[in-house]
PDB file of N, CA and C in Angstrom:
ATOM      1  N   MET A   1      -0.476  58.149 298.209  1.00  0.00           N
ATOM      2  CA  MET A   1       0.146  57.830 297.246  1.00  0.00           C
ATOM      3  C   MET A   1      -0.429  58.933 295.466  1.00  0.00           C
ATOM      4  N   LYS A   2       0.964  60.154 295.022  1.00  0.00           N
ATOM      5  CA  LYS A   2       0.092  60.324 294.155  1.00  0.00           C
ATOM      6  C   LYS A   2      -0.855  59.299 293.084  1.00  0.00           C
ATOM      7  N   THR A   3      -1.392  59.892 292.197  1.00  0.00           N
ATOM      8  CA  THR A   3      -2.139  59.195 290.721  1.00  0.00           C
ATOM      9  C   THR A   3      -2.306  60.583 289.669  1.00  0.00           C
ATOM     10  N   ILE A   4      -1.434  60.034 289.114  1.00  0.00           N
ATOM     11  CA  ILE A   4      -1.696  60.982 287.462  1.00  0.00           C
ATOM     12  C   ILE A   4      -2.441  59.978 286.196  1.00  0.00           C
ATOM     13  N   PRO A   5      -2.307  60.772 285.660  1.00  0.00           N
ATOM     14  CA  PRO A   5      -3.126  59.432 284.216  1.00  0.00           C
ATOM     15  C   PRO A   5      -1.848  59.037 283.523  1.00  0.00           C
ATOM     16  N   LEU A   6      -2.037  58.634 281.989  1.00  0.00           N
ATOM     17  CA  LEU A   6      -0.700  58.104 281.821  1.00  0.00           C
ATOM     18  C   LEU A   6      -0.188  58.819 280.921  1.00  0.00           C
ATOM     19  N   ALA A   7      -0.939  59.866 280.248  1.00  0.00           N
ATOM     20  CA  ALA A   7       0.124  60.762 279.112  1.00  0.00           C
ATOM     21  C   ALA A   7       0.636  61.504 280.193  1.00  0.00           C
ATOM     22  N   GLU A   8       0.093  62.615 281.429  1.00  0.00           N
ATOM     23  CA  GLU A   8       0.972  62.831 281.978  1.00  0.00           C
ATOM     24  C   GLU A   8       2.147  62.267 282.434  1.00  0.00           C
ATOM     25  N   ALA A   9       1.886  60.983 282.681  1.00  0.00           N
ATOM     26  CA  ALA A   9       3.318  59.955 283.120  1.00  0.00           C
ATOM     27  C   ALA A   9       4.058  60.703 282.033  1.00  0.00           C
ATOM     28  N   LYS A  10       3.871  60.254 280.711  1.00  0.00           N
ATOM     29  CA  LYS A  10       4.794  60.116 279.412  1.00  0.00           C
ATOM     30  C   LYS A  10       5.539  61.209 279.113  1.00  0.00           C
ATOM     31  N   THR A  11       5.111  62.132 279.470  1.00  0.00           N
ATOM     32  CA  THR A  11       5.596  63.828 278.793  1.00  0.00           C
ATOM     33  C   THR A  11       6.467  64.317 280.818  1.00  0.00           C
ATOM     34  N   HIS A  12       5.892  63.521 282.175  1.00  0.00           N
ATOM     35  CA  HIS A  12       6.690  64.302 282.435  1.00  0.00           C
ATOM     36  C   HIS A  12       7.798  63.132 282.958  1.00  0.00           C
ATOM     37  N   PHE A  13       8.030  62.424 282.517  1.00  0.00           N
ATOM     38  CA  PHE A  13       8.465  60.972 282.842  1.00  0.00           C
ATOM     39  C   PHE A  13       9.582  61.169 283.723  1.00  0.00           C
ATOM     40  N   SER A  14      10.198  61.931 283.926  1.00  0.00           N
ATOM     41  CA  SER A  14      12.057  62.207 284.329  1.00  0.00           C
ATOM     42  C   SER A  14      10.830  63.552 285.533  1.00  0.00           C
ATOM     43  N   ALA A  15      10.434  64.031 285.493  1.00  0.00           N
ATOM     44  CA  ALA A  15       9.271  64.519 287.383  1.00  0.00           C
ATOM     45  C   ALA A  15       9.178  62.985 288.127  1.00  0.00           C
ATOM     46  N   VAL A  16       8.668  62.436 287.779  1.00  0.00           N
ATOM     47  CA  VAL A  16       7.593  61.144 287.676  1.00  0.00           C
ATOM     48  C   VAL A  16       8.938  60.168 288.718  1.00  0.00           C
ATOM     49  N   MET A  17       9.905  60.244 287.711  1.00  0.00           N
ATOM     50  CA  MET A  17      11.046  59.133 288.655  1.00  0.00           C
ATOM     51  C   MET A  17      11.357  59.782 289.178  1.00  0.00           C
ATOM     52  N   LYS A  18      12.656  61.610 289.646  1.00  0.00           N
ATOM     53  CA  LYS A  18      12.422  62.184 290.724  1.00  0.00           C
ATOM     54  C   LYS A  18      12.140  62.120 291.904  1.00  0.00           C
ATOM     55  N   ASP A  19      10.825  62.096 291.780  1.00  0.00           N
ATOM     56  CA  ASP A  19       9.730  60.856 292.566  1.00  0.00           C
ATOM     57  C   ASP A  19       9.767  60.477 293.237  1.00  0.00           C
ATOM     58  N   VAL A  20      10.361  59.380 292.325  1.00  0.00           N
ATOM     59  CA  VAL A  20      10.069  57.891 293.116  1.00  0.00           C
ATOM     60  C   VAL A  20      11.770  57.406 293.921  1.00  0.00           C
ATOM     61  N   GLU A  21      12.544  58.108 292.677  1.00  0.00           N
ATOM     62  CA  GLU A  21      14.042  58.401 293.933  1.00  0.00           C
ATOM     63  C   GLU A  21      13.718  58.812 294.520  1.00  0.00           C
ATOM     64  N   GLN A  22      13.166  59.616 295.181  1.00  0.00           N
ATOM     65  CA  GLN A  22      12.789  60.523 296.582  1.00  0.00           C
ATOM     66  C   GLN A  22      12.100  59.731 298.115  1.00  0.00           C
ATOM     67  N   GLY A  23      11.645  58.572 297.177  1.00  0.00           N
ATOM     68  CA  GLY A  23      11.048  57.220 297.870  1.00  0.00           C
ATOM     69  C   GLY A  23       9.570  57.386 297.989  1.00  0.00           C
ATOM     70  N   HIS A  24       8.468  58.155 296.899  1.00  0.00           N
ATOM     71  CA  HIS A  24       7.203  58.614 296.562  1.00  0.00           C
ATOM     72  C   HIS A  24       6.662  57.370 296.103  1.00  0.00           C
ATOM     73  N   GLU A  25       5.472  57.008 295.678  1.00  0.00           N
ATOM     74  CA  GLU A  25       5.141  55.885 295.313  1.00  0.00           C
ATOM     75  C   GLU A  25       3.683  56.267 294.527  1.00  0.00           C
ATOM     76  N   VAL A  26       3.860  56.213 292.773  1.00  0.00           N
ATOM     77  CA  VAL A  26       3.311  57.006 292.259  1.00  0.00           C
ATOM     78  C   VAL A  26       2.357  55.588 291.723  1.00  0.00           C
ATOM     79  N   ALA A  27       1.093  56.188 291.411  1.00  0.00           N
ATOM     80  CA  ALA A  27       0.032  55.335 290.318  1.00  0.00           C
ATOM     81  C   ALA A  27      -0.643  56.238 289.192  1.00  0.00           C
ATOM     82  N   ILE A  28      -0.782  54.916 288.198  1.00  0.00           N
ATOM     83  CA  ILE A  28      -0.840  55.846 287.115  1.00  0.00           C
ATOM     84  C   ILE A  28      -2.428  54.933 286.601  1.00  0.00           C
ATOM     85  N   SER A  29      -3.001  55.876 286.321  1.00  0.00           N
ATOM     86  CA  SER A  29      -4.296  55.584 285.447  1.00  0.00           C
ATOM     87  C   SER A  29      -4.255  55.170 284.353  1.00  0.00           C
ATOM     88  N   TYR A  30      -5.693  54.835 284.056  1.00  0.00           N
ATOM     89  CA  TYR A  30      -5.574  54.685 282.427  1.00  0.00           C
ATOM     90  C   TYR A  30      -6.732  55.173 281.729  1.00  0.00           C
ATOM     91  N   GLY A  31      -6.978  54.847 280.760  1.00  0.00           N
ATOM     92  CA  GLY A  31      -8.808  55.615 280.601  1.00  0.00           C
ATOM     93  C   GLY A  31      -9.662  56.419 280.706  1.00  0.00           C
ATOM     94  N   LYS A  32     -10.543  56.429 279.765  1.00  0.00           N
ATOM     95  CA  LYS A  32     -12.060  56.945 280.635  1.00  0.00           C
ATOM     96  C   LYS A  32     -12.470  56.831 281.886  1.00  0.00           C
ATOM     97  N   LYS A  33     -12.240  55.807 281.724  1.00  0.00           N
ATOM     98  CA  LYS A  33     -12.404  55.840 284.086  1.00  0.00           C
ATOM     99  C   LYS A  33     -11.956  56.103 284.728  1.00  0.00           C
ATOM    100  N   ARG A  34     -10.012  56.102 284.584  1.00  0.00           N
ATOM    101  CA  ARG A  34      -8.917  56.500 284.839  1.00  0.00           C
ATOM    102  C   ARG A  34      -8.587  55.512 286.109  1.00  0.00           C
ATOM    103  N   LYS A  35      -8.756  54.256 286.065  1.00  0.00           N
ATOM    104  CA  LYS A  35      -8.955  53.522 285.871  1.00  0.00           C
ATOM    105  C   LYS A  35      -7.675  52.858 286.003  1.00  0.00           C
ATOM    106  N   THR A  36      -6.956  53.418 288.131  1.00  0.00           N
ATOM    107  CA  THR A  36      -4.954  52.618 288.279  1.00  0.00           C
ATOM    108  C   THR A  36      -4.656  51.471 287.704  1.00  0.00           C
ATOM    109  N   VAL A  37      -3.890  51.352 286.912  1.00  0.00           N
ATOM    110  CA  VAL A  37      -3.178  49.862 286.175  1.00  0.00           C
ATOM    111  C   VAL A  37      -1.616  49.891 286.694  1.00  0.00           C
ATOM    112  N   ALA A  38      -1.201  50.985 287.576  1.00  0.00           N
ATOM    113  CA  ALA A  38      -0.064  50.380 288.277  1.00  0.00           C
ATOM    114  C   ALA A  38       0.876  51.350 288.930  1.00  0.00           C
ATOM    115  N   VAL A  39       1.444  51.234 289.009  1.00  0.00           N
ATOM    116  CA  VAL A  39       2.305  52.220 290.354  1.00  0.00           C
ATOM    117  C   VAL A  39       3.399  51.847 290.391  1.00  0.00           C
ATOM    118  N   ILE A  40       4.150  52.769 290.278  1.00  0.00           N
ATOM    119  CA  ILE A  40       5.687  52.997 290.485  1.00  0.00           C
ATOM    120  C   ILE A  40       6.058  52.544 291.529  1.00  0.00           C
ATOM    121  N   VAL A  41       7.364  52.039 292.350  1.00  0.00           N
ATOM    122  CA  VAL A  41       7.728  52.249 293.658  1.00  0.00           C
ATOM    123  C   VAL A  41       8.703  52.332 293.001  1.00  0.00           C
ATOM    124  N   PRO A  42       9.415  52.648 294.288  1.00  0.00           N
ATOM    125  CA  PRO A  42      10.870  52.365 294.548  1.00  0.00           C
ATOM    126  C   PRO A  42      11.949  51.032 294.973  1.00  0.00           C
ATOM    127  N   TYR A  43      12.649  51.259 294.155  1.00  0.00           N
ATOM    128  CA  TYR A  43      13.319  49.803 294.531  1.00  0.00           C
ATOM    129  C   TYR A  43      13.416  49.364 295.663  1.00  0.00           C
ATOM    130  N   GLU A  44      14.214  49.985 296.116  1.00  0.00           N
ATOM    131  CA  GLU A  44      14.543  48.974 297.911  1.00  0.00           C
ATOM    132  C   GLU A  44      12.534  48.678 298.409  1.00  0.00           C
ATOM    133  N   ALA A  45      12.232  49.977 298.185  1.00  0.00           N
ATOM    134  CA  ALA A  45      10.167  48.871 298.175  1.00  0.00           C
ATOM    135  C   ALA A  45      10.017  47.290 297.798  1.00  0.00           C
ATOM    136  N   TRP A  46      10.385  47.614 296.588  1.00  0.00           N
ATOM    137  CA  TRP A  46       9.749  46.542 295.880  1.00  0.00           C
ATOM    138  C   TRP A  46      10.703  45.717 296.084  1.00  0.00           C
ATOM    139  N   LYS A  47      11.919  45.565 296.871  1.00  0.00           N
ATOM    140  CA  LYS A  47      12.598  44.738 296.966  1.00  0.00           C
ATOM    141  C   LYS A  47      12.496  43.463 297.893  1.00  0.00           C
ATOM    142  N   LYS A  48      12.380  44.956 299.376  1.00  0.00           N
ATOM    143  CA  LYS A  48      11.988  44.474 300.698  1.00  0.00           C
ATOM    144  C   LYS A  48      10.277  43.373 299.889  1.00  0.00           C
ATOM    145  N   THR A  49       8.485  43.883 299.217  1.00  0.00           N
ATOM    146  CA  THR A  49       8.026  42.667 299.557  1.00  0.00           C
ATOM    147  C   THR A  49       8.207  41.775 298.581  1.00  0.00           C
ATOM    148  N   LYS A  50       8.941  41.595 298.208  1.00  0.00           N
ATOM    149  CA  LYS A  50       9.699  40.256 297.028  1.00  0.00           C
ATOM    150  C   LYS A  50       9.529  38.927 298.656  1.00  0.00           C
ATOM    151  N   LYS A  51      10.245  39.043 299.613  1.00  0.00           N
ATOM    152  CA  LYS A  51      10.785  37.973 300.523  1.00  0.00           C
ATOM    153  C   LYS A  51       9.809  37.314 301.116  1.00  0.00           C
ATOM    154  N   ARG A  52       9.474  35.789 300.655  1.00  0.00           N
ATOM    155  CA  ARG A  52       8.095  35.688 301.316  1.00  0.00           C
ATOM    156  C   ARG A  52       7.757  34.929 302.868  1.00  0.00           C
ATOM    157  N   GLN A  53       7.038  35.297 302.731  1.00  0.00           N
ATOM    158  CA  GLN A  53       6.656  35.618 304.453  1.00  0.00           C
ATOM    159  C   GLN A  53       6.249  33.761 304.900  1.00  0.00           C
ATOM    160  N   LEU A  54       6.638  33.877 305.760  1.00  0.00           N
ATOM    161  CA  LEU A  54       6.948  31.512 306.093  1.00  0.00           C
ATOM    162  C   LEU A  54       5.522  32.129 307.623  1.00  0.00           C
ATOM    163  N   GLY A  55       4.974  30.881 307.949  1.00  0.00           N
ATOM    164  CA  GLY A  55       4.239  30.562 308.647  1.00  0.00           C
ATOM    165  C   GLY A  55       2.831  31.183 308.460  1.00  0.00           C
ATOM    166  N   THR A  56       2.696  31.695 307.206  1.00  0.00           N
ATOM    167  CA  THR A  56       1.029  32.036 306.932  1.00  0.00           C
ATOM    168  C   THR A  56      -0.046  31.725 307.332  1.00  0.00           C
ATOM    169  N   LEU A  57       0.160  30.049 307.312  1.00  0.00           N
ATOM    170  CA  LEU A  57      -0.908  28.939 308.150  1.00  0.00           C
ATOM    171  C   LEU A  57      -1.067  28.764 309.226  1.00  0.00           C
ATOM    172  N   LYS A  58       0.039  28.825 309.709  1.00  0.00           N
ATOM    173  CA  LYS A  58      -0.198  29.009 311.598  1.00  0.00           C
ATOM    174  C   LYS A  58      -1.397  29.208 312.335  1.00  0.00           C
ATOM    175  N   ASP A  59      -1.190  28.235 312.772  1.00  0.00           N
ATOM    176  CA  ASP A  59      -2.666  28.145 313.764  1.00  0.00           C
ATOM    177  C   ASP A  59      -3.903  27.703 313.333  1.00  0.00           C
ATOM    178  N   ARG A  60      -3.642  27.485 311.570  1.00  0.00           N
ATOM    179  CA  ARG A  60      -5.487  27.448 311.409  1.00  0.00           C
ATOM    180  C   ARG A  60      -5.985  26.229 311.120  1.00  0.00           C
ATOM    181  N   GLY A  61      -4.633  25.321 311.184  1.00  0.00           N
ATOM    182  CA  GLY A  61      -5.356  23.522 310.937  1.00  0.00           C
ATOM    183  C   GLY A  61      -3.813  22.811 311.522  1.00  0.00           C
ATOM    184  N   THR A  62      -4.997  21.376 311.688  1.00  0.00           N
ATOM    185  CA  THR A  62      -3.694  21.185 312.693  1.00  0.00           C
ATOM    186  C   THR A  62      -3.895  18.983 311.767  1.00  0.00           C
ATOM    187  N   VAL A  63      -2.557  18.466 311.636  1.00  0.00           N
ATOM    188  CA  VAL A  63      -3.291  16.889 311.656  1.00  0.00           C
ATOM    189  C   VAL A  63      -2.520  15.784 312.937  1.00  0.00           C
ATOM    190  N   LEU A  64      -4.113  15.009 313.312  1.00  0.00           N
ATOM    191  CA  LEU A  64      -3.530  14.256 313.847  1.00  0.00           C
ATOM    192  C   LEU A  64      -3.332  12.841 313.475  1.00  0.00           C
ATOM    193  N   PHE A  65      -1.600  11.993 314.239  1.00  0.00           N
ATOM    194  CA  PHE A  65      -1.874  10.999 313.611  1.00  0.00           C
ATOM    195  C   PHE A  65      -2.372   9.991 314.643  1.00  0.00           C
ATOM    196  N   SER A  66      -3.245   8.998 314.896  1.00  0.00           N
ATOM    197  CA  SER A  66      -3.523   8.013 315.752  1.00  0.00           C
ATOM    198  C   SER A  66      -1.910   7.153 316.311  1.00  0.00           C
ATOM    199  N   ALA A  67      -2.119   6.347 317.847  1.00  0.00           N
ATOM    200  CA  ALA A  67      -1.594   6.189 318.217  1.00  0.00           C
ATOM    201  C   ALA A  67      -0.898   4.828 316.798  1.00  0.00           C
ATOM    202  N   ASP A  68      -1.379   4.023 316.346  1.00  0.00           N
ATOM    203  CA  ASP A  68      -1.395   2.680 315.825  1.00  0.00           C
ATOM    204  C   ASP A  68      -0.687   3.255 314.221  1.00  0.00           C
ATOM    205  N   TYR A  69      -0.174   3.881 313.963  1.00  0.00           N
ATOM    206  CA  TYR A  69      -0.518   4.400 311.985  1.00  0.00           C
ATOM    207  C   TYR A  69       0.520   4.073 312.485  1.00  0.00           C
ATOM    208  N   ALA A  70       1.129   3.647 311.047  1.00  0.00           N
ATOM    209  CA  ALA A  70       2.011   3.101 310.101  1.00  0.00           C
ATOM    210  C   ALA A  70       2.769   2.895 308.933  1.00  0.00           C
ATOM    211  N   MET A  71       3.662   3.380 308.345  1.00  0.00           N
ATOM    212  CA  MET A  71       3.211   3.337 306.437  1.00  0.00           C
ATOM    213  C   MET A  71       5.161   2.722 306.114  1.00  0.00           C
ATOM    214  N   SER A  72       4.913   2.005 305.451  1.00  0.00           N
ATOM    215  CA  SER A  72       5.607   1.332 305.053  1.00  0.00           C
ATOM    216  C   SER A  72       7.337   2.469 303.822  1.00  0.00           C
ATOM    217  N   ASP A  73       8.004   2.523 303.396  1.00  0.00           N
ATOM    218  CA  ASP A  73       9.222   3.759 302.976  1.00  0.00           C
ATOM    219  C   ASP A  73       7.895   2.597 301.446  1.00  0.00           C
ATOM    220  N   GLY A  74       7.431   1.755 300.710  1.00  0.00           N
ATOM    221  CA  GLY A  74       7.163   1.757 299.826  1.00  0.00           C
ATOM    222  C   GLY A  74       5.442   2.481 300.093  1.00  0.00           C
ATOM    223  N   GLU A  75       4.809   2.148 299.925  1.00  0.00           N
ATOM    224  CA  GLU A  75       3.618   2.719 300.769  1.00  0.00           C
ATOM    225  C   GLU A  75       3.889   4.425 300.088  1.00  0.00           C
ATOM    226  N   LEU A  76       4.764   5.208 301.701  1.00  0.00           N
ATOM    227  CA  LEU A  76       4.918   6.037 300.803  1.00  0.00           C
ATOM    228  C   LEU A  76       5.844   6.578 299.657  1.00  0.00           C
ATOM    229  N   LEU A  77       6.503   5.613 299.355  1.00  0.00           N
ATOM    230  CA  LEU A  77       6.686   6.304 297.616  1.00  0.00           C
ATOM    231  C   LEU A  77       5.544   5.774 296.606  1.00  0.00           C
ATOM    232  N   GLY A  78       5.184   5.401 296.772  1.00  0.00           N
ATOM    233  CA  GLY A  78       3.503   4.684 296.015  1.00  0.00           C
ATOM    234  C   GLY A  78       4.287   3.555 295.384  1.00  0.00           C
ATOM    235  N   LEU A  79       4.746   2.970 295.700  1.00  0.00           N
ATOM    236  CA  LEU A  79       5.293   1.770 295.246  1.00  0.00           C
ATOM    237  C   LEU A  79       4.314   0.387 295.420  1.00  0.00           C
TER     238      LEU A  79
END
């Protein structure tokens, strides 16, 4: 991933967008310490990361109910 300062990104925005269009990620740094504050990624890569992962807690916990466990519908609904 290429990192460029904000001023350079503003000056050469078209070139930055061409890099992104080709599938590269571009990080934008800002301030005296050049801290990375943003990343420009191709839309297709961003769209893939938006899908939710199911089963992230799989095998991390268990629930055990005793054999004589019973709950009425009213208790379940908090009535």
